[in-house]
Amino acid sequence: MRRRIGFVFQDFNLLEGVTVVDNVALPLIYARVPASERRSRALARLDQMGLSHKAKNYPNQLSGGQKQRVAIARALINEPGILFCDEPTGNLDSANSRLVFDIFTKLKNERKQTIVMVTHDQDLSGKTDRSIHI
């Protein structure tokens, strides 16, 4: 199950005593991916999020938006079939919100990934294939 489902939490849930790259690579340990591959895959995800230059930093050295993008990179590292997101762009500026939404759209289109997202962002929800208002 841990390879099929990814979670993006609103409050990041990053490990403070672990570098950014190691936070992203953490799910790969549980998936028994070799150490050499874990690092390269984590760096690739960080690069996708525009954060490769922060790989050696710790979460307390990041802004809220950077922490959110690290959390998204970690959620995507195992290429899950379904991704659950709680306000994935809530801590991001408009440019990074577009970046994240574009990544989600690409995953949906290329890999047929299912993304279930809770958001208060009307613009974001208006761009989805299906929206349920509660």
Protein backbone atom coordinates (compact mmCIF):
# COMPACT_ATOMS: atom_id res chain seq x y z
CA MET A 1 0.00 0.00 0.00
CA ARG A 2 2.82 2.46 0.81
CA ARG A 3 3.89 2.38 -2.84
CA ARG A 4 0.40 2.93 -4.21
CA ILE A 5 -0.69 5.88 -2.08
CA GLY A 6 0.99 9.21 -1.42
CA PHE A 7 -0.01 11.90 1.08
CA VAL A 8 0.61 15.64 1.09
CA PHE A 9 -0.17 16.97 4.55
CA GLN A 10 -1.14 20.56 5.21
CA ASP A 11 1.38 20.81 8.05
CA PHE A 12 4.27 19.19 6.09
CA ASN A 13 5.25 16.47 8.63
CA LEU A 14 8.94 16.85 7.77
CA LEU A 15 11.55 15.43 10.14
CA GLU A 16 13.40 18.43 11.59
CA GLY A 17 16.71 16.66 12.31
CA VAL A 18 17.00 15.28 8.77
CA THR A 19 18.17 17.11 5.64
CA VAL A 20 15.72 18.01 2.90
CA VAL A 21 17.06 15.33 0.54
CA ASP A 22 16.79 12.69 3.25
CA ASN A 23 13.22 13.78 4.06
CA VAL A 24 12.27 13.29 0.41
CA ALA A 25 14.08 9.93 0.23
CA LEU A 26 12.51 8.57 3.42
CA PRO A 27 9.67 6.61 1.75
CA LEU A 28 12.24 4.87 -0.44
CA ILE A 29 13.87 3.33 2.63
CA TYR A 30 10.61 1.59 3.48
CA ALA A 31 10.28 0.53 -0.16
CA ARG A 32 13.75 -1.08 0.13
CA VAL A 33 15.26 1.02 -2.66
CA PRO A 34 19.11 0.93 -2.63
CA ALA A 35 20.77 3.96 -1.01
CA SER A 36 22.48 5.11 -4.23
CA GLU A 37 19.16 5.19 -6.07
CA ARG A 38 17.33 6.87 -3.18
CA ARG A 39 19.57 9.91 -3.28
CA SER A 40 19.42 10.37 -7.06
CA ARG A 41 15.64 9.97 -7.13
CA ALA A 42 15.21 12.40 -4.24
CA LEU A 43 17.45 14.97 -5.93
CA ALA A 44 15.45 14.61 -9.16
CA ARG A 45 12.18 15.28 -7.29
CA LEU A 46 13.71 18.28 -5.54
CA ASP A 47 14.87 19.60 -8.90
CA GLN A 48 11.34 19.16 -10.25
CA MET A 49 10.10 21.33 -7.37
CA GLY A 50 12.83 23.94 -7.93
CA LEU A 51 14.57 23.06 -4.67
CA SER A 52 17.70 21.10 -5.59
CA HIS A 53 19.79 23.95 -4.15
CA LYS A 54 18.19 23.28 -0.72
CA ALA A 55 19.01 19.55 -0.60
CA LYS A 56 21.52 19.87 2.27
CA ASN A 57 19.38 22.27 4.29
CA TYR A 58 17.18 21.27 7.21
CA PRO A 59 13.44 22.00 7.36
CA ASN A 60 13.91 24.79 9.92
CA GLN A 61 15.99 26.62 7.28
CA LEU A 62 13.13 26.69 4.77
CA SER A 63 10.15 28.95 4.23
CA GLY A 64 6.64 27.53 4.55
CA GLY A 65 6.30 27.32 0.77
CA GLN A 66 9.61 25.50 0.43
CA LYS A 67 8.58 23.04 3.15
CA GLN A 68 5.35 22.38 1.26
CA ARG A 69 7.22 21.65 -1.96
CA VAL A 70 9.55 19.28 -0.08
CA ALA A 71 6.50 17.50 1.33
CA ILE A 72 5.04 17.21 -2.19
CA ALA A 73 8.34 15.83 -3.53
CA ARG A 74 8.34 13.25 -0.73
CA ALA A 75 4.73 12.27 -1.52
CA LEU A 76 5.60 11.74 -5.18
CA ILE A 77 8.90 9.88 -4.67
CA ASN A 78 7.37 6.38 -4.93
CA GLU A 79 5.24 7.39 -7.94
CA PRO A 80 1.97 6.46 -6.21
CA GLY A 81 -1.13 5.58 -8.20
CA ILE A 82 -3.25 7.80 -5.98
CA LEU A 83 -2.22 10.97 -4.24
CA PHE A 84 -4.22 12.51 -1.37
CA CYS A 85 -3.52 16.20 -0.79
CA ASP A 86 -4.69 18.47 2.01
CA GLU A 87 -4.32 22.06 0.82
CA PRO A 88 -1.19 21.31 -1.26
CA THR A 89 -0.87 24.92 -2.43
CA GLY A 90 -2.05 26.62 0.75
CA ASN A 91 1.45 27.81 1.71
CA LEU A 92 2.62 28.65 -1.80
CA ASP A 93 2.76 31.88 -3.74
CA SER A 94 0.94 32.00 -7.08
CA ALA A 95 3.99 31.03 -9.17
CA ASN A 96 4.74 27.95 -7.06
CA SER A 97 1.04 27.05 -6.92
CA ARG A 98 1.05 26.96 -10.72
CA LEU A 99 4.26 24.88 -10.69
CA VAL A 100 2.70 22.31 -8.36
CA PHE A 101 -0.59 22.23 -10.23
CA ASP A 102 1.27 21.79 -13.54
CA ILE A 103 3.19 18.85 -12.04
CA PHE A 104 -0.07 17.31 -10.82
CA THR A 105 -1.66 17.80 -14.25
CA LYS A 106 1.33 16.21 -15.98
CA LEU A 107 1.19 13.21 -13.64
CA LYS A 108 -2.53 12.82 -14.27
CA ASN A 109 -2.14 13.02 -18.03
CA GLU A 110 1.04 10.98 -18.50
CA ARG A 111 0.70 8.37 -15.78
CA LYS A 112 -3.07 8.42 -15.28
CA GLN A 113 -2.44 9.22 -11.63
CA THR A 114 -5.47 9.91 -9.46
CA ILE A 115 -5.20 13.00 -7.29
CA VAL A 116 -7.70 13.69 -4.55
CA MET A 117 -7.27 17.20 -3.24
CA VAL A 118 -8.88 19.30 -0.53
CA THR A 119 -8.55 23.00 -1.30
CA HIS A 120 -10.17 26.33 -0.59
CA ASP A 121 -8.56 27.78 -3.72
CA GLN A 122 -11.45 28.39 -6.13
CA ASP A 123 -9.10 28.97 -9.08
CA LEU A 124 -7.35 25.65 -8.45
CA SER A 125 -10.55 23.67 -8.02
CA GLY A 126 -11.91 25.23 -11.21
CA LYS A 127 -9.02 23.69 -13.19
CA THR A 128 -9.70 20.12 -12.09
CA ASP A 129 -11.54 17.44 -14.04
CA ARG A 130 -14.04 16.99 -11.26
CA SER A 131 -14.89 19.11 -8.25
CA ILE A 132 -17.06 18.23 -5.27
CA HIS A 133 -18.11 21.10 -3.00
CA ILE A 134 -18.92 20.38 0.63
